[in-house]
C-alpha atoms as a PDB file:
ATOM      1  CA  MET A   1       2.218 -27.872 -15.173  1.00  0.00           C
ATOM      2  CA  PRO A   2       1.220 -30.105 -17.890  1.00  0.00           C
ATOM      3  CA  PRO A   3      -1.640 -28.967 -20.484  1.00  0.00           C
ATOM      4  CA  ALA A   4      -4.319 -31.517 -19.200  1.00  0.00           C
ATOM      5  CA  GLU A   5      -3.769 -30.543 -15.338  1.00  0.00           C
ATOM      6  CA  ARG A   6      -4.129 -26.984 -16.495  1.00  0.00           C
ATOM      7  CA  LEU A   7      -7.234 -27.463 -18.292  1.00  0.00           C
ATOM      8  CA  GLU A   8      -8.698 -29.326 -15.391  1.00  0.00           C
ATOM      9  CA  LYS A   9      -7.714 -26.832 -12.930  1.00  0.00           C
ATOM     10  CA  ALA A  10      -9.186 -24.027 -14.974  1.00  0.00           C
ATOM     11  CA  ARG A  11     -12.272 -25.880 -15.478  1.00  0.00           C
ATOM     12  CA  ALA A  12     -12.932 -26.287 -11.866  1.00  0.00           C
ATOM     13  CA  VAL A  13     -12.190 -22.781 -11.358  1.00  0.00           C
ATOM     14  CA  ALA A  14     -15.201 -22.075 -13.799  1.00  0.00           C
ATOM     15  CA  LEU A  15     -17.397 -24.371 -12.390  1.00  0.00           C
ATOM     16  CA  ARG A  16     -16.893 -22.888  -8.796  1.00  0.00           C
ATOM     17  CA  LEU A  17     -17.779 -19.531 -10.432  1.00  0.00           C
ATOM     18  CA  LEU A  18     -20.685 -21.144 -12.166  1.00  0.00           C
ATOM     19  CA  GLY A  19     -21.908 -22.548  -8.872  1.00  0.00           C
ATOM     20  CA  SER A  20     -22.435 -19.301  -7.184  1.00  0.00           C
ATOM     21  CA  ARG A  21     -24.459 -17.597  -9.951  1.00  0.00           C
ATOM     22  CA  GLU A  22     -24.934 -17.342 -13.591  1.00  0.00           C
ATOM     23  CA  ARG A  23     -22.060 -15.763 -15.511  1.00  0.00           C
ATOM     24  CA  SER A  24     -21.335 -14.364 -18.956  1.00  0.00           C
ATOM     25  CA  ALA A  25     -18.810 -15.971 -20.909  1.00  0.00           C
ATOM     26  CA  LEU A  26     -16.673 -12.926 -20.773  1.00  0.00           C
ATOM     27  CA  GLU A  27     -16.848 -12.813 -16.920  1.00  0.00           C
ATOM     28  CA  ILE A  28     -15.574 -16.558 -17.015  1.00  0.00           C
ATOM     29  CA  ARG A  29     -12.674 -15.623 -19.490  1.00  0.00           C
ATOM     30  CA  GLN A  30     -11.943 -12.707 -17.151  1.00  0.00           C
ATOM     31  CA  ARG A  31     -11.942 -14.541 -13.851  1.00  0.00           C
ATOM     32  CA  LEU A  32      -9.768 -17.192 -15.635  1.00  0.00           C
ATOM     33  CA  ARG A  33      -7.208 -14.794 -17.013  1.00  0.00           C
ATOM     34  CA  GLN A  34      -6.965 -13.232 -13.733  1.00  0.00           C
ATOM     35  CA  ARG A  35      -6.437 -16.518 -12.328  1.00  0.00           C
ATOM     36  CA  GLY A  36      -3.220 -16.744 -14.538  1.00  0.00           C
ATOM     37  CA  PHE A  37      -4.354 -19.471 -17.003  1.00  0.00           C
ATOM     38  CA  ASP A  38      -2.979 -18.776 -20.561  1.00  0.00           C
ATOM     39  CA  PRO A  39      -5.329 -17.614 -23.305  1.00  0.00           C
ATOM     40  CA  GLU A  40      -5.550 -21.113 -24.911  1.00  0.00           C
ATOM     41  CA  THR A  41      -6.788 -22.855 -21.796  1.00  0.00           C
ATOM     42  CA  VAL A  42      -9.184 -20.098 -21.195  1.00  0.00           C
ATOM     43  CA  ALA A  43     -10.527 -20.165 -24.762  1.00  0.00           C
ATOM     44  CA  ARG A  44     -11.083 -24.141 -24.345  1.00  0.00           C
ATOM     45  CA  VAL A  45     -12.751 -23.964 -21.088  1.00  0.00           C
ATOM     46  CA  ALA A  46     -15.302 -21.223 -22.017  1.00  0.00           C
ATOM     47  CA  ALA A  47     -16.034 -23.006 -25.192  1.00  0.00           C
ATOM     48  CA  ASP A  48     -16.482 -26.605 -23.432  1.00  0.00           C
ATOM     49  CA  LEU A  49     -18.763 -24.851 -20.710  1.00  0.00           C
ATOM     50  CA  VAL A  50     -20.955 -23.478 -23.455  1.00  0.00           C
ATOM     51  CA  GLU A  51     -21.046 -26.738 -25.314  1.00  0.00           C
ATOM     52  CA  ALA A  52     -22.206 -28.391 -22.253  1.00  0.00           C
ATOM     53  CA  GLY A  53     -24.844 -25.910 -21.627  1.00  0.00           C
ATOM     54  CA  LEU A  54     -23.215 -25.040 -18.148  1.00  0.00           C
ATOM     55  CA  GLN A  55     -22.910 -21.435 -19.437  1.00  0.00           C
ATOM     56  CA  ASP A  56     -25.092 -19.520 -21.662  1.00  0.00           C
ATOM     57  CA  ASP A  57     -25.283 -15.666 -21.972  1.00  0.00           C
ATOM     58  CA  ARG A  58     -29.304 -15.855 -22.844  1.00  0.00           C
ATOM     59  CA  ARG A  59     -29.526 -17.492 -19.511  1.00  0.00           C
ATOM     60  CA  PHE A  60     -27.293 -15.119 -17.867  1.00  0.00           C
ATOM     61  CA  ALA A  61     -29.191 -12.074 -19.235  1.00  0.00           C
ATOM     62  CA  ALA A  62     -32.810 -13.479 -18.391  1.00  0.00           C
ATOM     63  CA  GLN A  63     -31.287 -13.713 -14.524  1.00  0.00           C
ATOM     64  CA  ALA A  64     -29.780 -10.339 -14.507  1.00  0.00           C
ATOM     65  CA  VAL A  65     -32.742  -8.695 -15.721  1.00  0.00           C
ATOM     66  CA  GLU A  66     -34.822 -10.378 -13.083  1.00  0.00           C
ATOM     67  CA  SER A  67     -32.348  -9.259 -10.518  1.00  0.00           C
ATOM     68  CA  GLY A  68     -32.017  -5.697 -11.765  1.00  0.00           C
ATOM     69  CA  ALA A  69     -35.680  -5.436 -12.031  1.00  0.00           C
ATOM     70  CA  ALA A  70     -36.279  -6.944  -8.426  1.00  0.00           C
ATOM     71  CA  ARG A  71     -34.002  -4.060  -7.219  1.00  0.00           C
ATOM     72  CA  GLY A  72     -35.910  -1.364  -9.100  1.00  0.00           C
ATOM     73  CA  PHE A  73     -33.208  -0.491 -11.819  1.00  0.00           C
ATOM     74  CA  SER A  74     -34.458   0.769 -15.207  1.00  0.00           C
ATOM     75  CA  SER A  75     -34.514  -1.141 -18.089  1.00  0.00           C
ATOM     76  CA  ARG A  76     -31.656   1.403 -19.301  1.00  0.00           C
ATOM     77  CA  ALA A  77     -29.390   0.680 -16.363  1.00  0.00           C
ATOM     78  CA  ILE A  78     -30.008  -3.204 -16.936  1.00  0.00           C
ATOM     79  CA  GLN A  79     -28.793  -3.093 -20.521  1.00  0.00           C
ATOM     80  CA  GLN A  80     -25.780  -1.324 -19.573  1.00  0.00           C
ATOM     81  CA  ARG A  81     -24.647  -3.694 -17.017  1.00  0.00           C
ATOM     82  CA  LEU A  82     -25.515  -6.743 -19.377  1.00  0.00           C
ATOM     83  CA  ARG A  83     -23.233  -4.890 -21.928  1.00  0.00           C
ATOM     84  CA  ARG A  84     -20.103  -4.476 -19.212  1.00  0.00           C
ATOM     85  CA  ALA A  85     -20.871  -8.283 -18.923  1.00  0.00           C
ATOM     86  CA  GLY A  86     -19.683  -8.617 -22.233  1.00  0.00           C
ATOM     87  CA  LEU A  87     -22.883  -9.232 -24.223  1.00  0.00           C
ATOM     88  CA  GLY A  88     -23.828  -7.430 -27.591  1.00  0.00           C
ATOM     89  CA  SER A  89     -26.090  -4.547 -27.618  1.00  0.00           C
ATOM     90  CA  ALA A  90     -28.958  -6.682 -29.396  1.00  0.00           C
ATOM     91  CA  LEU A  91     -28.928  -9.129 -26.977  1.00  0.00           C
ATOM     92  CA  ALA A  92     -28.964  -6.637 -23.921  1.00  0.00           C
ATOM     93  CA  ALA A  93     -31.533  -4.751 -25.633  1.00  0.00           C
ATOM     94  CA  GLN A  94     -33.736  -7.577 -26.559  1.00  0.00           C
ATOM     95  CA  ALA A  95     -33.369  -9.085 -22.779  1.00  0.00           C
ATOM     96  CA  ALA A  96     -34.054  -5.821 -21.106  1.00  0.00           C
ATOM     97  CA  ALA A  97     -37.031  -4.731 -23.526  1.00  0.00           C
ATOM     98  CA  GLU A  98     -40.037  -3.254 -21.551  1.00  0.00           C
ATOM     99  CA  ASP A  99     -42.726  -0.956 -22.181  1.00  0.00           C
ATOM    100  CA  GLU A 100     -42.925   2.338 -20.756  1.00  0.00           C
ATOM    101  CA  GLN A 101     -45.891   1.603 -18.299  1.00  0.00           C
ATOM    102  CA  ALA A 102     -44.031  -1.772 -16.721  1.00  0.00           C
ATOM    103  CA  GLU A 103     -40.948   0.542 -16.428  1.00  0.00           C
ATOM    104  CA  GLU A 104     -42.720   3.441 -14.595  1.00  0.00           C
ATOM    105  CA  ALA A 105     -44.488   0.932 -12.350  1.00  0.00           C
ATOM    106  CA  ARG A 106     -41.210  -0.573 -11.253  1.00  0.00           C
ATOM    107  CA  ALA A 107     -39.946   2.959 -10.836  1.00  0.00           C
ATOM    108  CA  ARG A 108     -42.829   3.925  -8.629  1.00  0.00           C
ATOM    109  CA  GLU A 109     -42.764   0.749  -6.490  1.00  0.00           C
ATOM    110  CA  ALA A 110     -39.031   1.380  -5.778  1.00  0.00           C
ATOM    111  CA  ALA A 111     -39.625   5.042  -4.931  1.00  0.00           C
ATOM    112  CA  ALA A 112     -42.495   4.309  -2.708  1.00  0.00           C
ATOM    113  CA  ARG A 113     -40.349   1.926  -0.833  1.00  0.00           C
ATOM    114  CA  ARG A 114     -37.607   4.552  -0.469  1.00  0.00           C
ATOM    115  CA  ALA A 115     -40.175   7.086   0.384  1.00  0.00           C
ATOM    116  CA  ALA A 116     -41.441   5.034   3.264  1.00  0.00           C
ATOM    117  CA  ARG A 117     -37.917   5.471   4.784  1.00  0.00           C
ATOM    118  CA  LEU A 118     -37.910   9.073   4.410  1.00  0.00           C
ATOM    119  CA  ALA A 119     -41.111   9.616   6.016  1.00  0.00           C
ATOM    120  CA  GLY A 120     -40.115  11.946   8.787  1.00  0.00           C
ATOM    121  CA  SER A 121     -37.985  14.132   6.330  1.00  0.00           C
ATOM    122  CA  PRO A 122     -39.166  17.746   5.048  1.00  0.00           C
ATOM    123  CA  PRO A 123     -40.839  17.417   1.731  1.00  0.00           C
ATOM    124  CA  ASP A 124     -37.781  19.072  -0.134  1.00  0.00           C
ATOM    125  CA  VAL A 125     -35.456  16.614   1.245  1.00  0.00           C
ATOM    126  CA  ARG A 126     -37.645  13.646   0.364  1.00  0.00           C
ATOM    127  CA  PHE A 127     -37.935  15.153  -3.132  1.00  0.00           C
ATOM    128  CA  ARG A 128     -34.151  15.653  -3.785  1.00  0.00           C
ATOM    129  CA  ARG A 129     -33.296  12.130  -2.090  1.00  0.00           C
ATOM    130  CA  LEU A 130     -36.127  10.140  -4.371  1.00  0.00           C
ATOM    131  CA  SER A 131     -35.236  12.024  -7.611  1.00  0.00           C
ATOM    132  CA  SER A 132     -31.752  10.974  -7.014  1.00  0.00           C
ATOM    133  CA  PHE A 133     -32.445   7.545  -5.991  1.00  0.00           C
ATOM    134  CA  LEU A 134     -34.419   7.133  -9.159  1.00  0.00           C
ATOM    135  CA  ALA A 135     -31.914   8.860 -11.465  1.00  0.00           C
ATOM    136  CA  GLY A 136     -29.158   6.522  -9.591  1.00  0.00           C
ATOM    137  CA  ARG A 137     -31.153   3.522 -10.656  1.00  0.00           C
ATOM    138  CA  GLY A 138     -31.091   4.872 -14.447  1.00  0.00           C
ATOM    139  CA  TYR A 139     -34.581   6.302 -14.777  1.00  0.00           C
ATOM    140  CA  PRO A 140     -35.207   9.336 -17.253  1.00  0.00           C
ATOM    141  CA  PRO A 141     -35.202  12.734 -15.210  1.00  0.00           C
ATOM    142  CA  GLU A 142     -38.937  13.906 -16.257  1.00  0.00           C
ATOM    143  CA  LEU A 143     -39.943  10.066 -14.684  1.00  0.00           C
ATOM    144  CA  CYS A 144     -37.526  11.033 -11.494  1.00  0.00           C
ATOM    145  CA  ARG A 145     -39.029  14.449 -11.129  1.00  0.00           C
ATOM    146  CA  ARG A 146     -42.691  13.552 -11.511  1.00  0.00           C
ATOM    147  CA  LEU A 147     -42.307  10.534  -9.044  1.00  0.00           C
ATOM    148  CA  ALA A 148     -40.056  12.229  -6.590  1.00  0.00           C
ATOM    149  CA  ALA A 149     -42.772  15.114  -6.442  1.00  0.00           C
ATOM    150  CA  GLU A 150     -45.654  12.959  -6.166  1.00  0.00           C
ATOM    151  CA  LEU A 151     -44.427  11.204  -3.608  1.00  0.00           C
ATOM    152  CA  ALA A 152     -42.774  13.820  -1.701  1.00  0.00           C
ATOM    153  CA  GLU A 153     -45.956  15.775  -1.999  1.00  0.00           C
ATOM    154  CA  VAL A 154     -44.335  18.655  -3.681  1.00  0.00           C
ATOM    155  CA  GLU A 155     -44.862  20.690  -6.905  1.00  0.00           C
ATOM    156  CA  PRO A 156     -42.607  19.245  -9.465  1.00  0.00           C
ATOM    157  CA  GLU A 157     -39.406  21.421 -10.036  1.00  0.00           C
ATOM    158  CA  LEU A 158     -38.723  21.912 -13.842  1.00  0.00           C
END
């Protein structure tokens, strides 16, 4: 296939990817390579998207932070997701930075929603499930135990 046609097809693929949600530059490059586009075409399309303002890692990071926070993930878990998506540690940390009180409030809200679904379970089962749930969302062990004990109405395990 001629280079111009290859470039146009790669742009169309990239635009479809961005049409569904924001994506990091790394995600775009990986998906284009998976589709069989050569490295030169992939680099050119990725650069063109950034230049045109259609792809922006900061915008991707903001959306990922908002989405992760809405689903009850910790800032640490959100930062890990951003780094896996190809963002540098500094940008990931900056985007997901949050004070302890806000993070605890988010953990409490997520745990309270989960606790409501566990209302008929024995307290020890609620405690285990809530602490596991919070740990899976990336919260520190001490916070997981404390909130799980509070919401399960048991003494915290040390």
